[in-house]
């Protein structure tokens, strides 16, 4: 089973850097020897894309990464992540990424499709896509990242012009370059859910909320970490996405300023934990320019302590206020290609690197 998410902004392990904590075993817990357990699977990382210059593709796609990795046991869950960082852009272009994985039996799964517009002279323009791969087969899996590049308004043809140069290792200082990673296996309870049931249309000056609920949450596994991505569009045209026809105006060619509040509530009473994401964790005001059109909010909230005296249920509320502009749409995508999702994984850096 595959489920996916994608972001068009990001590029570090957390919104403010590598801040997830690690856990250590209790002193009275025996640690198995390597002979008993064998070597623990490590993260697979590839930082050498097959192409570094992307031109107009029209409806076709260009393969950027092709990565094969072992799944030791059927049922293992891994985070698959592809990060594309634009170093140079010669025209306003749409950069769309698709992740497709194939199991040992040849069954193909589309993990996610996402994208954004990139423009010349803007610093660090990123398309990052990631999803949870719940592998139903042991053996070698193959995942491919492919891209579509087109000039907005001409994406149904190969017309248009422009190029995108990807940033590689050594081009980005201490920030992550273009890369593809597959995490070590996560605990079996790790899971992901789509955010909300429908797309949310938010008029300028108003707020809207996506809600999802995690049930049967383990309360004895230590702190939780919630990771999410919410795709949204500045409604500069009435028909793309189609929900934009419901906003009051699409005539303003200006920024859409969006203010988010992300809340995580354990059910079971007034004394149960409630955690609100900070700006450093990703809940910061963002601008979606009319040139960019598509954007994404992403967050990583570690160390969420749950109470054993409350219900094993956590409700996630993702609220956005459209402070300026035409209004926005929070997008969900489709059941096979979601674009707004929330992960629940352990707060242990070893699982995520």
C-alpha atoms as a PDB file:
ATOM      1  CA  UNK A   1       0.000   0.000   0.000  1.00  0.00           C
ATOM      2  CA  UNK A   2       1.189   3.504  -0.789  1.00  0.00           C
ATOM      3  CA  UNK A   3       0.015   6.802   0.475  1.00  0.00           C
ATOM      4  CA  UNK A   4       1.633  10.087  -0.343  1.00  0.00           C
ATOM      5  CA  UNK A   5       2.230  13.686   0.412  1.00  0.00           C
ATOM      6  CA  UNK A   6       4.096  16.493  -1.166  1.00  0.00           C
ATOM      7  CA  UNK A   7       5.400  19.926  -0.449  1.00  0.00           C
ATOM      8  CA  UNK A   8       6.615  22.752  -2.582  1.00  0.00           C
ATOM      9  CA  UNK A   9       8.549  24.443   0.187  1.00  0.00           C
ATOM     10  CA  UNK A  10      11.121  22.939   2.495  1.00  0.00           C
ATOM     11  CA  UNK A  11      14.447  21.192   2.331  1.00  0.00           C
ATOM     12  CA  UNK A  12      15.678  20.536   5.849  1.00  0.00           C
ATOM     13  CA  UNK A  13      14.930  17.639   8.157  1.00  0.00           C
ATOM     14  CA  UNK A  14      12.549  19.882  10.120  1.00  0.00           C
ATOM     15  CA  UNK A  15      11.300  23.375   9.328  1.00  0.00           C
ATOM     16  CA  UNK A  16      13.978  24.791  11.634  1.00  0.00           C
ATOM     17  CA  UNK A  17      16.656  22.139  11.123  1.00  0.00           C
ATOM     18  CA  UNK A  18      17.475  18.733  12.586  1.00  0.00           C
ATOM     19  CA  UNK A  19      15.706  19.125  15.906  1.00  0.00           C
ATOM     20  CA  UNK A  20      14.148  15.705  16.473  1.00  0.00           C
ATOM     21  CA  UNK A  21      15.380  14.054  19.641  1.00  0.00           C
ATOM     22  CA  UNK A  22      16.826  10.558  19.898  1.00  0.00           C
ATOM     23  CA  UNK A  23      15.956   7.910  22.466  1.00  0.00           C
ATOM     24  CA  UNK A  24      18.188   5.523  24.365  1.00  0.00           C
ATOM     25  CA  UNK A  25      17.460   2.077  25.743  1.00  0.00           C
ATOM     26  CA  UNK A  26      16.853   1.632  29.457  1.00  0.00           C
ATOM     27  CA  UNK A  27      19.909   0.450  31.356  1.00  0.00           C
ATOM     28  CA  UNK A  28      18.149  -2.742  32.449  1.00  0.00           C
ATOM     29  CA  UNK A  29      17.069  -3.684  28.915  1.00  0.00           C
ATOM     30  CA  UNK A  30      19.304  -6.201  27.168  1.00  0.00           C
ATOM     31  CA  UNK A  31      20.519  -5.090  23.764  1.00  0.00           C
ATOM     32  CA  UNK A  32      20.666  -7.929  21.199  1.00  0.00           C
ATOM     33  CA  UNK A  33      24.044  -8.516  19.637  1.00  0.00           C
ATOM     34  CA  UNK A  34      24.556  -8.052  15.875  1.00  0.00           C
ATOM     35  CA  UNK A  35      24.813 -11.845  15.579  1.00  0.00           C
ATOM     36  CA  UNK A  36      21.302 -12.141  17.036  1.00  0.00           C
ATOM     37  CA  UNK A  37      19.630  -9.459  14.970  1.00  0.00           C
ATOM     38  CA  UNK A  38      21.813  -8.918  11.915  1.00  0.00           C
ATOM     39  CA  UNK A  39      22.680  -5.402  10.729  1.00  0.00           C
ATOM     40  CA  UNK A  40      19.862  -2.896  10.993  1.00  0.00           C
ATOM     41  CA  UNK A  41      18.736  -1.531   7.605  1.00  0.00           C
ATOM     42  CA  UNK A  42      19.989   1.996   7.001  1.00  0.00           C
ATOM     43  CA  UNK A  43      18.642   4.916   5.065  1.00  0.00           C
ATOM     44  CA  UNK A  44      19.186   4.772   1.308  1.00  0.00           C
ATOM     45  CA  UNK A  45      20.311   8.130  -0.081  1.00  0.00           C
ATOM     46  CA  UNK A  46      21.060   9.199  -3.659  1.00  0.00           C
ATOM     47  CA  UNK A  47      22.404  12.697  -4.395  1.00  0.00           C
ATOM     48  CA  UNK A  48      23.399  12.199  -8.038  1.00  0.00           C
ATOM     49  CA  UNK A  49      20.336  12.735 -10.243  1.00  0.00           C
ATOM     50  CA  UNK A  50      20.312  11.230 -13.716  1.00  0.00           C
ATOM     51  CA  UNK A  51      19.780  14.708 -15.196  1.00  0.00           C
ATOM     52  CA  UNK A  52      20.663  18.124 -13.796  1.00  0.00           C
ATOM     53  CA  UNK A  53      19.137  20.381 -16.478  1.00  0.00           C
ATOM     54  CA  UNK A  54      15.390  20.174 -17.077  1.00  0.00           C
ATOM     55  CA  UNK A  55      13.812  21.551 -20.246  1.00  0.00           C
ATOM     56  CA  UNK A  56      10.249  21.736 -21.549  1.00  0.00           C
ATOM     57  CA  UNK A  57       8.638  18.287 -21.569  1.00  0.00           C
ATOM     58  CA  UNK A  58       5.025  19.092 -22.420  1.00  0.00           C
ATOM     59  CA  UNK A  59       2.929  16.070 -21.453  1.00  0.00           C
ATOM     60  CA  UNK A  60       6.012  13.835 -21.323  1.00  0.00           C
ATOM     61  CA  UNK A  61       8.167  13.210 -18.257  1.00  0.00           C
ATOM     62  CA  UNK A  62      11.909  13.180 -17.577  1.00  0.00           C
ATOM     63  CA  UNK A  63      13.330  10.645 -15.115  1.00  0.00           C
ATOM     64  CA  UNK A  64      15.448  12.289 -12.406  1.00  0.00           C
ATOM     65  CA  UNK A  65      16.053   9.475  -9.881  1.00  0.00           C
ATOM     66  CA  UNK A  66      15.846   5.695 -10.229  1.00  0.00           C
ATOM     67  CA  UNK A  67      16.566   3.994  -6.901  1.00  0.00           C
ATOM     68  CA  UNK A  68      16.391   0.316  -5.914  1.00  0.00           C
ATOM     69  CA  UNK A  69      16.393  -0.682  -2.242  1.00  0.00           C
ATOM     70  CA  UNK A  70      15.716  -3.841  -0.201  1.00  0.00           C
ATOM     71  CA  UNK A  71      12.618  -4.432   1.909  1.00  0.00           C
ATOM     72  CA  UNK A  72      13.480  -7.121   4.439  1.00  0.00           C
ATOM     73  CA  UNK A  73       9.970  -8.037   5.595  1.00  0.00           C
ATOM     74  CA  UNK A  74       6.527  -7.737   4.055  1.00  0.00           C
ATOM     75  CA  UNK A  75       4.661  -5.091   6.027  1.00  0.00           C
ATOM     76  CA  UNK A  76       7.695  -2.869   6.589  1.00  0.00           C
ATOM     77  CA  UNK A  77       6.945   0.852   6.373  1.00  0.00           C
ATOM     78  CA  UNK A  78       9.411   3.361   4.931  1.00  0.00           C
ATOM     79  CA  UNK A  79       9.361   7.082   4.192  1.00  0.00           C
ATOM     80  CA  UNK A  80      10.208   7.673   0.522  1.00  0.00           C
ATOM     81  CA  UNK A  81      11.281  11.251  -0.196  1.00  0.00           C
ATOM     82  CA  UNK A  82      12.482  13.154  -3.249  1.00  0.00           C
ATOM     83  CA  UNK A  83      13.768  16.705  -2.947  1.00  0.00           C
ATOM     84  CA  UNK A  84      14.246  18.864  -6.060  1.00  0.00           C
ATOM     85  CA  UNK A  85      16.025  22.195  -5.534  1.00  0.00           C
ATOM     86  CA  UNK A  86      16.160  24.724  -8.380  1.00  0.00           C
ATOM     87  CA  UNK A  87      19.521  26.474  -8.668  1.00  0.00           C
ATOM     88  CA  UNK A  88      18.767  28.484 -11.832  1.00  0.00           C
ATOM     89  CA  UNK A  89      15.520  29.171 -13.696  1.00  0.00           C
ATOM     90  CA  UNK A  90      15.387  30.972 -17.058  1.00  0.00           C
ATOM     91  CA  UNK A  91      11.612  31.489 -17.345  1.00  0.00           C
ATOM     92  CA  UNK A  92       8.438  31.125 -15.286  1.00  0.00           C
ATOM     93  CA  UNK A  93       7.871  27.365 -15.437  1.00  0.00           C
ATOM     94  CA  UNK A  94       5.730  24.691 -13.834  1.00  0.00           C
ATOM     95  CA  UNK A  95       7.817  21.909 -12.205  1.00  0.00           C
ATOM     96  CA  UNK A  96       5.746  18.827 -11.397  1.00  0.00           C
ATOM     97  CA  UNK A  97       7.115  15.689  -9.759  1.00  0.00           C
ATOM     98  CA  UNK A  98       5.707  12.154  -9.693  1.00  0.00           C
ATOM     99  CA  UNK A  99       6.958   9.288  -7.513  1.00  0.00           C
ATOM    100  CA  UNK A 100       6.209   5.751  -8.674  1.00  0.00           C
ATOM    101  CA  UNK A 101       7.362   2.596  -6.862  1.00  0.00           C
ATOM    102  CA  UNK A 102       7.331  -0.999  -8.139  1.00  0.00           C
ATOM    103  CA  UNK A 103       7.424  -4.099  -5.935  1.00  0.00           C
ATOM    104  CA  UNK A 104       9.282  -7.375  -6.593  1.00  0.00           C
ATOM    105  CA  UNK A 105       6.225  -8.900  -8.314  1.00  0.00           C
ATOM    106  CA  UNK A 106       6.043  -5.977 -10.753  1.00  0.00           C
ATOM    107  CA  UNK A 107       2.983  -4.279  -9.271  1.00  0.00           C
ATOM    108  CA  UNK A 108       3.282  -0.515  -9.709  1.00  0.00           C
ATOM    109  CA  UNK A 109       2.155   2.115  -7.220  1.00  0.00           C
ATOM    110  CA  UNK A 110       1.942   5.860  -7.815  1.00  0.00           C
ATOM    111  CA  UNK A 111       2.932   7.422  -4.529  1.00  0.00           C
ATOM    112  CA  UNK A 112       2.320  11.100  -5.238  1.00  0.00           C
ATOM    113  CA  UNK A 113       2.127  13.836  -7.850  1.00  0.00           C
ATOM    114  CA  UNK A 114       2.781  17.444  -6.926  1.00  0.00           C
ATOM    115  CA  UNK A 115       4.310  20.621  -8.270  1.00  0.00           C
ATOM    116  CA  UNK A 116       4.726  24.374  -8.212  1.00  0.00           C
ATOM    117  CA  UNK A 117       5.698  27.249 -10.467  1.00  0.00           C
ATOM    118  CA  UNK A 118       9.323  28.376 -10.320  1.00  0.00           C
ATOM    119  CA  UNK A 119      10.532  31.780 -11.490  1.00  0.00           C
ATOM    120  CA  UNK A 120      13.880  33.467 -12.256  1.00  0.00           C
ATOM    121  CA  UNK A 121      15.731  35.338  -9.523  1.00  0.00           C
ATOM    122  CA  UNK A 122      14.018  33.726  -6.552  1.00  0.00           C
ATOM    123  CA  UNK A 123      16.120  31.986  -3.907  1.00  0.00           C
ATOM    124  CA  UNK A 124      15.783  28.279  -3.147  1.00  0.00           C
ATOM    125  CA  UNK A 125      12.698  27.084  -4.981  1.00  0.00           C
ATOM    126  CA  UNK A 126      11.912  23.548  -3.854  1.00  0.00           C
ATOM    127  CA  UNK A 127       9.589  20.695  -4.743  1.00  0.00           C
ATOM    128  CA  UNK A 128       9.735  18.029  -2.041  1.00  0.00           C
ATOM    129  CA  UNK A 129       7.539  14.933  -2.213  1.00  0.00           C
ATOM    130  CA  UNK A 130       7.326  12.215   0.401  1.00  0.00           C
ATOM    131  CA  UNK A 131       4.991   9.392   1.306  1.00  0.00           C
ATOM    132  CA  UNK A 132       4.769   6.287   3.472  1.00  0.00           C
ATOM    133  CA  UNK A 133       5.435   3.076   1.592  1.00  0.00           C
ATOM    134  CA  UNK A 134       3.737   0.201   3.385  1.00  0.00           C
ATOM    135  CA  UNK A 135       5.496  -2.574   1.498  1.00  0.00           C
ATOM    136  CA  UNK A 136       3.327  -5.647   1.021  1.00  0.00           C
ATOM    137  CA  UNK A 137       6.240  -7.706  -0.337  1.00  0.00           C
ATOM    138  CA  UNK A 138       9.774  -8.436   0.804  1.00  0.00           C
ATOM    139  CA  UNK A 139      12.552  -8.107  -1.757  1.00  0.00           C
ATOM    140  CA  UNK A 140      13.945  -5.373  -3.980  1.00  0.00           C
ATOM    141  CA  UNK A 141      11.706  -2.372  -4.571  1.00  0.00           C
ATOM    142  CA  UNK A 142      12.333   0.289  -7.225  1.00  0.00           C
ATOM    143  CA  UNK A 143      11.201   3.914  -6.991  1.00  0.00           C
ATOM    144  CA  UNK A 144      11.402   6.516  -9.763  1.00  0.00           C
ATOM    145  CA  UNK A 145      11.129  10.282  -9.523  1.00  0.00           C
ATOM    146  CA  UNK A 146      10.105  11.836 -12.824  1.00  0.00           C
ATOM    147  CA  UNK A 147       9.284  15.431 -13.664  1.00  0.00           C
ATOM    148  CA  UNK A 148       7.127  17.400 -16.029  1.00  0.00           C
ATOM    149  CA  UNK A 149       8.229  20.904 -17.023  1.00  0.00           C
ATOM    150  CA  UNK A 150       6.031  23.315 -18.954  1.00  0.00           C
ATOM    151  CA  UNK A 151       5.312  26.998 -19.362  1.00  0.00           C
ATOM    152  CA  UNK A 152       2.098  27.874 -17.475  1.00  0.00           C
ATOM    153  CA  UNK A 153      -0.791  28.108 -19.902  1.00  0.00           C
ATOM    154  CA  UNK A 154       0.920  25.744 -22.355  1.00  0.00           C
ATOM    155  CA  UNK A 155       1.146  22.558 -20.291  1.00  0.00           C
ATOM    156  CA  UNK A 156      -1.013  20.572 -22.714  1.00  0.00           C
ATOM    157  CA  UNK A 157       1.624  21.056 -25.428  1.00  0.00           C
ATOM    158  CA  UNK A 158       5.399  21.079 -25.784  1.00  0.00           C
ATOM    159  CA  UNK A 159       5.350  24.790 -26.632  1.00  0.00           C
ATOM    160  CA  UNK A 160       7.113  27.345 -24.481  1.00  0.00           C
ATOM    161  CA  UNK A 161      10.729  27.818 -23.498  1.00  0.00           C
ATOM    162  CA  UNK A 162      12.978  27.785 -20.474  1.00  0.00           C
ATOM    163  CA  UNK A 163      15.232  25.578 -18.376  1.00  0.00           C
ATOM    164  CA  UNK A 164      15.704  24.599 -14.733  1.00  0.00           C
ATOM    165  CA  UNK A 165      19.161  23.771 -13.328  1.00  0.00           C
ATOM    166  CA  UNK A 166      19.052  21.587 -10.217  1.00  0.00           C
ATOM    167  CA  UNK A 167      21.219  22.387  -7.190  1.00  0.00           C
ATOM    168  CA  UNK A 168      23.601  19.554  -6.319  1.00  0.00           C
ATOM    169  CA  UNK A 169      25.744  18.724  -3.311  1.00  0.00           C
ATOM    170  CA  UNK A 170      28.169  21.602  -2.794  1.00  0.00           C
ATOM    171  CA  UNK A 171      25.771  24.179  -4.303  1.00  0.00           C
ATOM    172  CA  UNK A 172      23.614  24.769  -1.244  1.00  0.00           C
ATOM    173  CA  UNK A 173      25.954  25.350   1.709  1.00  0.00           C
ATOM    174  CA  UNK A 174      24.502  23.765   4.822  1.00  0.00           C
ATOM    175  CA  UNK A 175      21.056  23.288   3.263  1.00  0.00           C
ATOM    176  CA  UNK A 176      19.969  20.073   1.592  1.00  0.00           C
ATOM    177  CA  UNK A 177      20.648  19.661  -2.150  1.00  0.00           C
ATOM    178  CA  UNK A 178      18.593  17.718  -4.685  1.00  0.00           C
ATOM    179  CA  UNK A 179      18.350  14.160  -3.338  1.00  0.00           C
ATOM    180  CA  UNK A 180      16.281  10.976  -3.018  1.00  0.00           C
ATOM    181  CA  UNK A 181      16.017   9.055   0.272  1.00  0.00           C
ATOM    182  CA  UNK A 182      14.318   5.955   1.645  1.00  0.00           C
ATOM    183  CA  UNK A 183      14.212   5.733   5.450  1.00  0.00           C
ATOM    184  CA  UNK A 184      15.051   2.754   7.614  1.00  0.00           C
ATOM    185  CA  UNK A 185      11.916   0.782   8.644  1.00  0.00           C
ATOM    186  CA  UNK A 186       9.461   2.563  10.928  1.00  0.00           C
ATOM    187  CA  UNK A 187       7.534   0.899  13.772  1.00  0.00           C
ATOM    188  CA  UNK A 188       4.492  -0.987  12.498  1.00  0.00           C
ATOM    189  CA  UNK A 189       2.042   1.469  14.091  1.00  0.00           C
ATOM    190  CA  UNK A 190       3.402   4.398  12.062  1.00  0.00           C
ATOM    191  CA  UNK A 191       0.676   5.668   9.781  1.00  0.00           C
ATOM    192  CA  UNK A 192      -0.582   8.495   7.624  1.00  0.00           C
ATOM    193  CA  UNK A 193      -3.993  10.010   6.892  1.00  0.00           C
ATOM    194  CA  UNK A 194      -5.362  12.460   4.378  1.00  0.00           C
ATOM    195  CA  UNK A 195      -6.129  15.860   5.866  1.00  0.00           C
ATOM    196  CA  UNK A 196      -9.857  16.473   5.782  1.00  0.00           C
ATOM    197  CA  UNK A 197     -12.584  15.022   3.588  1.00  0.00           C
ATOM    198  CA  UNK A 198     -12.808  17.718   0.908  1.00  0.00           C
ATOM    199  CA  UNK A 199     -10.975  20.666  -0.541  1.00  0.00           C
ATOM    200  CA  UNK A 200     -11.468  23.811   1.555  1.00  0.00           C
ATOM    201  CA  UNK A 201     -12.277  27.145  -0.112  1.00  0.00           C
ATOM    202  CA  UNK A 202     -11.233  30.167   1.968  1.00  0.00           C
ATOM    203  CA  UNK A 203     -12.355  33.666   1.009  1.00  0.00           C
ATOM    204  CA  UNK A 204      -9.984  36.573   1.628  1.00  0.00           C
ATOM    205  CA  UNK A 205     -10.261  37.667   5.259  1.00  0.00           C
ATOM    206  CA  UNK A 206     -11.782  34.345   6.371  1.00  0.00           C
ATOM    207  CA  UNK A 207     -10.521  31.054   7.850  1.00  0.00           C
ATOM    208  CA  UNK A 208     -10.972  27.384   7.033  1.00  0.00           C
ATOM    209  CA  UNK A 209      -9.951  24.115   8.684  1.00  0.00           C
ATOM    210  CA  UNK A 210      -8.911  20.635   7.578  1.00  0.00           C
ATOM    211  CA  UNK A 211      -9.392  17.959  10.244  1.00  0.00           C
ATOM    212  CA  UNK A 212      -8.176  14.379  10.521  1.00  0.00           C
ATOM    213  CA  UNK A 213      -8.212  11.918  13.433  1.00  0.00           C
ATOM    214  CA  UNK A 214      -5.772   9.171  14.424  1.00  0.00           C
ATOM    215  CA  UNK A 215      -7.308   6.306  16.422  1.00  0.00           C
ATOM    216  CA  UNK A 216      -5.730   3.397  18.321  1.00  0.00           C
ATOM    217  CA  UNK A 217      -2.648   5.531  18.977  1.00  0.00           C
ATOM    218  CA  UNK A 218      -0.096   3.625  21.107  1.00  0.00           C
ATOM    219  CA  UNK A 219       0.322   5.356  24.461  1.00  0.00           C
ATOM    220  CA  UNK A 220       3.370   3.382  25.611  1.00  0.00           C
ATOM    221  CA  UNK A 221       5.745   4.084  22.704  1.00  0.00           C
ATOM    222  CA  UNK A 222       7.135   7.381  23.926  1.00  0.00           C
ATOM    223  CA  UNK A 223       6.643  10.825  22.358  1.00  0.00           C
ATOM    224  CA  UNK A 224       4.964  11.078  18.984  1.00  0.00           C
ATOM    225  CA  UNK A 225       6.049  13.158  16.024  1.00  0.00           C
ATOM    226  CA  UNK A 226       3.493  14.597  13.603  1.00  0.00           C
ATOM    227  CA  UNK A 227       4.593  15.516  10.091  1.00  0.00           C
ATOM    228  CA  UNK A 228       2.334  17.068   7.500  1.00  0.00           C
ATOM    229  CA  UNK A 229       2.027  18.842   4.196  1.00  0.00           C
ATOM    230  CA  UNK A 230      -0.932  20.889   3.003  1.00  0.00           C
ATOM    231  CA  UNK A 231      -1.021  21.991  -0.638  1.00  0.00           C
ATOM    232  CA  UNK A 232      -2.774  25.232  -1.457  1.00  0.00           C
ATOM    233  CA  UNK A 233      -3.333  27.599  -4.361  1.00  0.00           C
ATOM    234  CA  UNK A 234      -3.522  31.361  -4.624  1.00  0.00           C
ATOM    235  CA  UNK A 235      -6.679  31.710  -6.753  1.00  0.00           C
ATOM    236  CA  UNK A 236      -5.353  33.870  -9.586  1.00  0.00           C
ATOM    237  CA  UNK A 237      -7.535  32.127 -12.201  1.00  0.00           C
ATOM    238  CA  UNK A 238     -11.063  30.703 -11.925  1.00  0.00           C
ATOM    239  CA  UNK A 239     -10.572  27.203 -13.282  1.00  0.00           C
ATOM    240  CA  UNK A 240      -7.249  25.956 -11.908  1.00  0.00           C
ATOM    241  CA  UNK A 241      -7.838  24.408  -9.495  1.00  0.00           C
ATOM    242  CA  UNK A 242     -11.532  24.206 -10.299  1.00  0.00           C
ATOM    243  CA  UNK A 243     -12.539  25.134  -6.717  1.00  0.00           C
ATOM    244  CA  UNK A 244     -11.160  28.645  -7.324  1.00  0.00           C
ATOM    245  CA  UNK A 245     -14.327  29.482  -9.271  1.00  0.00           C
ATOM    246  CA  UNK A 246     -16.051  29.674  -5.851  1.00  0.00           C
ATOM    247  CA  UNK A 247     -13.919  32.518  -4.489  1.00  0.00           C
ATOM    248  CA  UNK A 248     -15.271  36.058  -4.818  1.00  0.00           C
ATOM    249  CA  UNK A 249     -12.554  37.302  -7.173  1.00  0.00           C
ATOM    250  CA  UNK A 250      -9.564  35.916  -9.073  1.00  0.00           C
ATOM    251  CA  UNK A 251      -8.564  39.262 -10.626  1.00  0.00           C
ATOM    252  CA  UNK A 252      -5.801  40.333  -8.222  1.00  0.00           C
ATOM    253  CA  UNK A 253      -2.263  39.623  -9.406  1.00  0.00           C
ATOM    254  CA  UNK A 254      -0.743  39.870  -5.947  1.00  0.00           C
ATOM    255  CA  UNK A 255       0.470  37.766  -3.040  1.00  0.00           C
ATOM    256  CA  UNK A 256      -1.881  35.645  -1.002  1.00  0.00           C
ATOM    257  CA  UNK A 257      -0.814  35.932   2.651  1.00  0.00           C
ATOM    258  CA  UNK A 258      -1.795  32.902   4.711  1.00  0.00           C
ATOM    259  CA  UNK A 259      -1.581  32.445   8.492  1.00  0.00           C
ATOM    260  CA  UNK A 260      -1.793  28.841   9.817  1.00  0.00           C
ATOM    261  CA  UNK A 261      -2.605  27.311  13.213  1.00  0.00           C
ATOM    262  CA  UNK A 262      -1.943  23.565  13.659  1.00  0.00           C
ATOM    263  CA  UNK A 263      -3.431  21.916  16.772  1.00  0.00           C
ATOM    264  CA  UNK A 264      -3.093  18.329  18.067  1.00  0.00           C
ATOM    265  CA  UNK A 265      -5.684  17.302  20.688  1.00  0.00           C
ATOM    266  CA  UNK A 266      -5.745  14.002  22.588  1.00  0.00           C
ATOM    267  CA  UNK A 267      -9.347  13.060  23.277  1.00  0.00           C
ATOM    268  CA  UNK A 268     -10.756  11.995  26.639  1.00  0.00           C
ATOM    269  CA  UNK A 269     -11.415  15.106  28.695  1.00  0.00           C
ATOM    270  CA  UNK A 270     -10.509  18.713  29.389  1.00  0.00           C
ATOM    271  CA  UNK A 271      -7.246  17.720  31.096  1.00  0.00           C
ATOM    272  CA  UNK A 272      -5.895  15.777  28.109  1.00  0.00           C
ATOM    273  CA  UNK A 273      -2.901  17.137  26.158  1.00  0.00           C
ATOM    274  CA  UNK A 274      -3.334  19.839  23.514  1.00  0.00           C
ATOM    275  CA  UNK A 275      -0.280  20.865  21.490  1.00  0.00           C
ATOM    276  CA  UNK A 276      -0.080  23.802  19.050  1.00  0.00           C
ATOM    277  CA  UNK A 277       2.712  23.955  16.475  1.00  0.00           C
ATOM    278  CA  UNK A 278       5.155  26.865  16.745  1.00  0.00           C
ATOM    279  CA  UNK A 279       6.511  29.042  13.934  1.00  0.00           C
ATOM    280  CA  UNK A 280       9.803  27.152  14.140  1.00  0.00           C
ATOM    281  CA  UNK A 281       7.904  23.886  13.590  1.00  0.00           C
ATOM    282  CA  UNK A 282       6.258  25.207  10.419  1.00  0.00           C
ATOM    283  CA  UNK A 283       3.200  27.189  11.563  1.00  0.00           C
ATOM    284  CA  UNK A 284       4.465  30.508  10.232  1.00  0.00           C
ATOM    285  CA  UNK A 285       2.821  33.093   8.008  1.00  0.00           C
ATOM    286  CA  UNK A 286       3.545  32.451   4.323  1.00  0.00           C
ATOM    287  CA  UNK A 287       3.235  34.374   1.069  1.00  0.00           C
ATOM    288  CA  UNK A 288       2.070  32.584  -2.064  1.00  0.00           C
ATOM    289  CA  UNK A 289       2.924  34.966  -4.914  1.00  0.00           C
ATOM    290  CA  UNK A 290       0.750  35.118  -8.005  1.00  0.00           C
ATOM    291  CA  UNK A 291       3.745  33.973 -10.064  1.00  0.00           C
ATOM    292  CA  UNK A 292       4.171  30.893  -7.875  1.00  0.00           C
ATOM    293  CA  UNK A 293       0.404  30.220  -7.769  1.00  0.00           C
ATOM    294  CA  UNK A 294       0.806  26.846  -6.004  1.00  0.00           C
ATOM    295  CA  UNK A 295       2.401  26.488  -2.588  1.00  0.00           C
ATOM    296  CA  UNK A 296       2.487  24.193   0.395  1.00  0.00           C
ATOM    297  CA  UNK A 297       2.715  24.426   4.149  1.00  0.00           C
ATOM    298  CA  UNK A 298       4.660  21.723   5.882  1.00  0.00           C
ATOM    299  CA  UNK A 299       5.299  21.114   9.540  1.00  0.00           C
ATOM    300  CA  UNK A 300       7.188  18.744  11.822  1.00  0.00           C
ATOM    301  CA  UNK A 301       6.049  18.708  15.453  1.00  0.00           C
ATOM    302  CA  UNK A 302       8.223  16.387  17.588  1.00  0.00           C
ATOM    303  CA  UNK A 303       7.978  15.301  21.222  1.00  0.00           C
ATOM    304  CA  UNK A 304       4.182  15.273  21.521  1.00  0.00           C
ATOM    305  CA  UNK A 305       3.670  13.622  24.913  1.00  0.00           C
ATOM    306  CA  UNK A 306       0.396  11.699  25.172  1.00  0.00           C
ATOM    307  CA  UNK A 307      -1.318  10.761  28.443  1.00  0.00           C
ATOM    308  CA  UNK A 308      -2.068   7.116  29.359  1.00  0.00           C
ATOM    309  CA  UNK A 309      -5.104   8.441  31.259  1.00  0.00           C
ATOM    310  CA  UNK A 310      -6.759   9.770  28.081  1.00  0.00           C
ATOM    311  CA  UNK A 311      -8.217   8.106  24.995  1.00  0.00           C
ATOM    312  CA  UNK A 312      -5.870   6.658  22.322  1.00  0.00           C
ATOM    313  CA  UNK A 313      -7.240   9.201  19.831  1.00  0.00           C
ATOM    314  CA  UNK A 314      -5.589  12.359  18.500  1.00  0.00           C
ATOM    315  CA  UNK A 315      -7.472  14.953  16.457  1.00  0.00           C
ATOM    316  CA  UNK A 316      -5.417  17.154  14.131  1.00  0.00           C
ATOM    317  CA  UNK A 317      -6.894  20.535  13.138  1.00  0.00           C
ATOM    318  CA  UNK A 318      -5.144  22.516  10.408  1.00  0.00           C
ATOM    319  CA  UNK A 319      -6.619  26.028  10.278  1.00  0.00           C
ATOM    320  CA  UNK A 320      -5.667  28.707   7.748  1.00  0.00           C
ATOM    321  CA  UNK A 321      -6.614  32.369   7.568  1.00  0.00           C
ATOM    322  CA  UNK A 322      -6.401  34.081   4.163  1.00  0.00           C
ATOM    323  CA  UNK A 323      -5.235  37.530   5.266  1.00  0.00           C
ATOM    324  CA  UNK A 324      -4.774  39.123   1.835  1.00  0.00           C
ATOM    325  CA  UNK A 325      -5.323  38.331  -1.827  1.00  0.00           C
ATOM    326  CA  UNK A 326      -7.968  36.591  -3.909  1.00  0.00           C
ATOM    327  CA  UNK A 327      -8.631  33.799  -1.451  1.00  0.00           C
ATOM    328  CA  UNK A 328      -7.119  30.320  -1.417  1.00  0.00           C
ATOM    329  CA  UNK A 329      -7.999  26.662  -1.853  1.00  0.00           C
ATOM    330  CA  UNK A 330      -6.611  23.921   0.392  1.00  0.00           C
ATOM    331  CA  UNK A 331      -6.236  20.940  -1.933  1.00  0.00           C
ATOM    332  CA  UNK A 332      -6.627  17.241  -1.096  1.00  0.00           C
ATOM    333  CA  UNK A 333      -5.840  15.647  -4.446  1.00  0.00           C
ATOM    334  CA  UNK A 334      -7.379  12.253  -5.167  1.00  0.00           C
ATOM    335  CA  UNK A 335      -7.479   9.004  -3.205  1.00  0.00           C
ATOM    336  CA  UNK A 336      -4.521   7.665  -5.195  1.00  0.00           C
ATOM    337  CA  UNK A 337      -2.594  10.961  -5.229  1.00  0.00           C
ATOM    338  CA  UNK A 338      -3.337  12.927  -2.055  1.00  0.00           C
ATOM    339  CA  UNK A 339      -1.749  16.351  -1.689  1.00  0.00           C
ATOM    340  CA  UNK A 340      -2.669  17.124   1.935  1.00  0.00           C
ATOM    341  CA  UNK A 341      -1.633  14.521   4.512  1.00  0.00           C
ATOM    342  CA  UNK A 342      -0.421  14.067   8.080  1.00  0.00           C
ATOM    343  CA  UNK A 343       2.071  11.423   9.295  1.00  0.00           C
ATOM    344  CA  UNK A 344       2.240   9.977  12.804  1.00  0.00           C
ATOM    345  CA  UNK A 345       5.696   8.530  13.483  1.00  0.00           C
ATOM    346  CA  UNK A 346       7.966   8.194  16.528  1.00  0.00           C
ATOM    347  CA  UNK A 347      10.084  11.064  17.787  1.00  0.00           C
ATOM    348  CA  UNK A 348      13.292   9.217  17.128  1.00  0.00           C
ATOM    349  CA  UNK A 349      15.697  10.636  14.616  1.00  0.00           C
ATOM    350  CA  UNK A 350      17.078   7.163  13.856  1.00  0.00           C
ATOM    351  CA  UNK A 351      13.827   6.256  12.084  1.00  0.00           C
ATOM    352  CA  UNK A 352      13.871   9.316   9.888  1.00  0.00           C
ATOM    353  CA  UNK A 353      17.483   9.474   8.714  1.00  0.00           C
END
